[in-house]
Protein backbone atom coordinates (compact mmCIF):
# COMPACT_ATOMS: atom_id res chain seq x y z
CA UNK A 1 -4.42 16.07 12.08
CA UNK A 2 -2.17 18.81 13.38
CA UNK A 3 0.03 16.35 15.25
CA UNK A 4 0.45 14.35 12.06
CA UNK A 5 1.39 17.50 10.24
CA UNK A 6 4.18 18.12 12.72
CA UNK A 7 5.43 14.63 12.09
CA UNK A 8 5.41 15.26 8.36
CA UNK A 9 7.40 18.41 8.78
CA UNK A 10 9.97 16.58 10.89
CA UNK A 11 10.27 13.78 8.43
CA UNK A 12 10.78 16.04 5.51
CA UNK A 13 13.41 17.98 7.24
CA UNK A 14 15.10 14.87 8.39
CA UNK A 15 15.20 13.37 4.98
CA UNK A 16 16.65 16.36 3.34
CA UNK A 17 19.92 17.20 5.08
CA UNK A 18 23.31 15.64 4.51
CA UNK A 19 26.06 16.64 6.93
CA UNK A 20 29.11 14.61 7.59
CA UNK A 21 30.21 11.15 6.64
CA UNK A 22 30.72 8.15 8.94
CA UNK A 23 32.32 6.20 6.11
CA UNK A 24 33.99 6.82 2.78
CA UNK A 25 30.60 7.43 1.22
CA UNK A 26 30.19 10.53 -0.96
CA UNK A 27 27.47 12.56 -2.61
CA UNK A 28 27.80 13.47 -6.28
CA UNK A 29 27.74 15.81 -8.06
CA UNK A 30 29.70 18.14 -5.84
CA UNK A 31 29.89 21.00 -5.26
CA UNK A 32 26.27 21.78 -6.03
CA UNK A 33 23.07 23.30 -4.68
CA UNK A 34 20.00 21.06 -4.74
CA UNK A 35 16.32 20.80 -3.90
CA UNK A 36 14.35 17.85 -2.56
CA UNK A 37 10.64 17.84 -3.47
CA UNK A 38 7.78 15.41 -3.11
CA UNK A 39 4.89 14.35 -0.92
CA UNK A 40 5.15 12.92 2.59
CA UNK A 41 2.45 11.43 4.78
CA UNK A 42 2.96 11.92 8.49
CA UNK A 43 1.10 10.29 11.36
CA UNK A 44 1.17 11.09 15.04
CA UNK A 45 -2.34 11.10 16.57
CA UNK A 46 -3.82 11.83 13.13
CA UNK A 47 -2.48 11.72 9.57
CA UNK A 48 -1.63 14.54 7.18
CA UNK A 49 -0.11 14.63 3.70
CA UNK A 50 2.05 17.59 2.67
CA UNK A 51 3.93 18.75 -0.39
CA UNK A 52 7.52 19.28 0.72
CA UNK A 53 10.32 21.43 -0.70
CA UNK A 54 13.80 21.49 0.86
CA UNK A 55 16.91 23.41 -0.25
CA UNK A 56 20.52 22.54 0.46
CA UNK A 57 24.07 22.33 -0.79
CA UNK A 58 26.86 19.79 -1.19
CA UNK A 59 30.41 21.14 -0.76
CA UNK A 60 33.44 20.10 -2.84
CA UNK A 61 34.41 16.50 -2.07
CA UNK A 62 30.83 15.38 -1.39
CA UNK A 63 31.52 14.10 2.11
CA UNK A 64 28.70 16.18 3.56
CA UNK A 65 25.64 18.22 2.68
CA UNK A 66 23.33 20.63 4.44
CA UNK A 67 19.65 21.37 4.21
CA UNK A 68 19.39 25.09 4.86
CA UNK A 69 15.65 25.76 4.43
CA UNK A 70 12.35 24.10 3.67
CA UNK A 71 8.61 24.55 3.37
CA UNK A 72 5.37 22.56 3.48
CA UNK A 73 2.31 23.36 1.38
CA UNK A 74 -0.73 21.87 -0.23
CA UNK A 75 -2.10 18.46 0.57
CA UNK A 76 -3.75 18.58 3.99
CA UNK A 77 -4.90 22.07 4.98
CA UNK A 78 -2.54 22.23 8.00
CA UNK A 79 0.57 22.05 5.82
CA UNK A 80 2.44 25.33 5.76
CA UNK A 81 0.10 27.08 8.18
CA UNK A 82 -0.12 24.96 11.35
CA UNK A 83 2.72 22.55 10.59
CA UNK A 84 6.19 23.94 9.95
CA UNK A 85 9.86 22.89 10.07
CA UNK A 86 12.19 24.03 12.84
CA UNK A 87 15.89 24.13 13.59
CA UNK A 88 17.59 24.46 10.21
CA UNK A 89 20.14 23.30 9.17
CA UNK A 90 19.74 19.50 9.34
CA UNK A 91 22.59 17.06 8.87
CA UNK A 92 22.79 13.55 7.47
CA UNK A 93 25.40 10.94 8.23
CA UNK A 94 26.28 8.69 5.30
CA UNK A 95 26.35 5.16 6.74
CA UNK A 96 27.90 3.44 3.73
CA UNK A 97 26.03 2.10 0.77
CA UNK A 98 22.80 4.02 0.46
CA UNK A 99 21.85 4.09 4.16
CA UNK A 100 21.65 7.58 5.64
CA UNK A 101 20.90 8.90 9.13
CA UNK A 102 19.26 12.29 9.42
CA UNK A 103 20.44 14.00 12.60
CA UNK A 104 18.68 16.84 14.41
CA UNK A 105 15.52 17.11 12.35
CA UNK A 106 12.64 19.11 13.77
CA UNK A 107 9.07 20.19 13.13
CA UNK A 108 6.31 21.75 15.19
CA UNK A 109 2.54 22.16 15.12
CA UNK A 110 0.09 23.54 17.64
CA UNK A 111 -0.55 19.98 18.92
CA UNK A 112 2.99 18.68 19.31
CA UNK A 113 6.44 18.30 17.88
CA UNK A 114 8.92 15.72 16.65
CA UNK A 115 12.69 15.91 16.62
CA UNK A 116 15.69 13.62 16.74
CA UNK A 117 17.49 11.20 14.47
CA UNK A 118 16.14 8.83 11.82
CA UNK A 119 17.83 6.23 9.59
CA UNK A 120 16.39 5.77 6.11
CA UNK A 121 17.45 4.97 2.52
CA UNK A 122 18.74 6.93 -0.43
CA UNK A 123 17.74 5.49 -3.83
CA UNK A 124 20.21 6.22 -6.64
CA UNK A 125 18.65 6.76 -10.04
CA UNK A 126 17.28 9.51 -12.17
CA UNK A 127 16.34 11.32 -10.05
CA UNK A 128 18.09 10.32 -6.83
CA UNK A 129 15.62 10.21 -3.95
CA UNK A 130 15.26 9.72 -0.23
CA UNK A 131 12.56 7.25 0.80
CA UNK A 132 10.64 6.89 4.05
CA UNK A 133 8.76 3.66 4.72
CA UNK A 134 7.18 3.96 8.13
CA UNK A 135 10.23 5.78 9.53
CA UNK A 136 9.77 6.84 13.15
CA UNK A 137 10.94 10.11 14.71
CA UNK A 138 10.73 10.69 18.50
CA UNK A 139 8.05 13.20 19.43
CA UNK A 140 5.66 14.60 21.97
CA UNK A 141 3.00 13.60 22.79
CA UNK A 142 3.75 10.59 20.50
CA UNK A 143 6.38 9.48 18.02
CA UNK A 144 5.82 10.49 14.40
CA UNK A 145 5.75 8.06 11.47
CA UNK A 146 6.71 9.21 7.97
CA UNK A 147 6.04 7.60 4.59
CA UNK A 148 6.88 9.02 1.17
CA UNK A 149 9.62 10.03 -1.26
CA UNK A 150 11.51 13.24 -1.96
CA UNK A 151 13.26 13.59 -5.35
CA UNK A 152 16.53 15.50 -5.80
CA UNK A 153 17.21 18.14 -8.41
CA UNK A 154 19.80 17.91 -9.79
CA UNK A 155 19.85 14.14 -9.37
CA UNK A 156 22.17 13.27 -6.47
CA UNK A 157 23.95 9.92 -6.02
CA UNK A 158 25.09 8.51 -2.68
CA UNK A 159 27.88 5.91 -2.96
C-alpha cells in the first residue's frame, strides 16, 4: 500500500503543474492563483486512494503555470504520513487542444518512488479539471498507475 501511495503522490503532483507551452495553447484566466483538489487512486505494488490538494499560479499571458506546493490526506491511512510529494515546482507542457504533459513530477514513500513525465488530458468545463485514466509514471521498484480527477478553483480553461 505504501508503494501505491507514492504513485498517487507522483500522479497528483504531475497533474497539477503547468509550465511552458509547446504550442499556442493558453490557460485562462490569467494571471491567477489556483488550487487543484480531488481524489486520486495510485497503484504500484498495492493501491491507495488519497485526497489531493495542489496550489499554483498562472502568469499573465497564460502560456505557462506552476504548481508550487501540494499535500495528500485522508483516504488510505498512508496518505500524508508515509506518502508525500517531492521536488516542487512541477511544470506542464501544453500540447495543443486539451492534451498536457506533466514534466518532472515526483513522490516518495518508504517503499519506493515515482518520478518523470506523464501525458494526460485537461477537461474544460465548470470546473476545469485534469483527468488521469490509468496514466503511468516511471518508478522504482515498479511504475505507478494513477486514476482520478482534480478540479481547479477558480475554473481554468486550456485552449
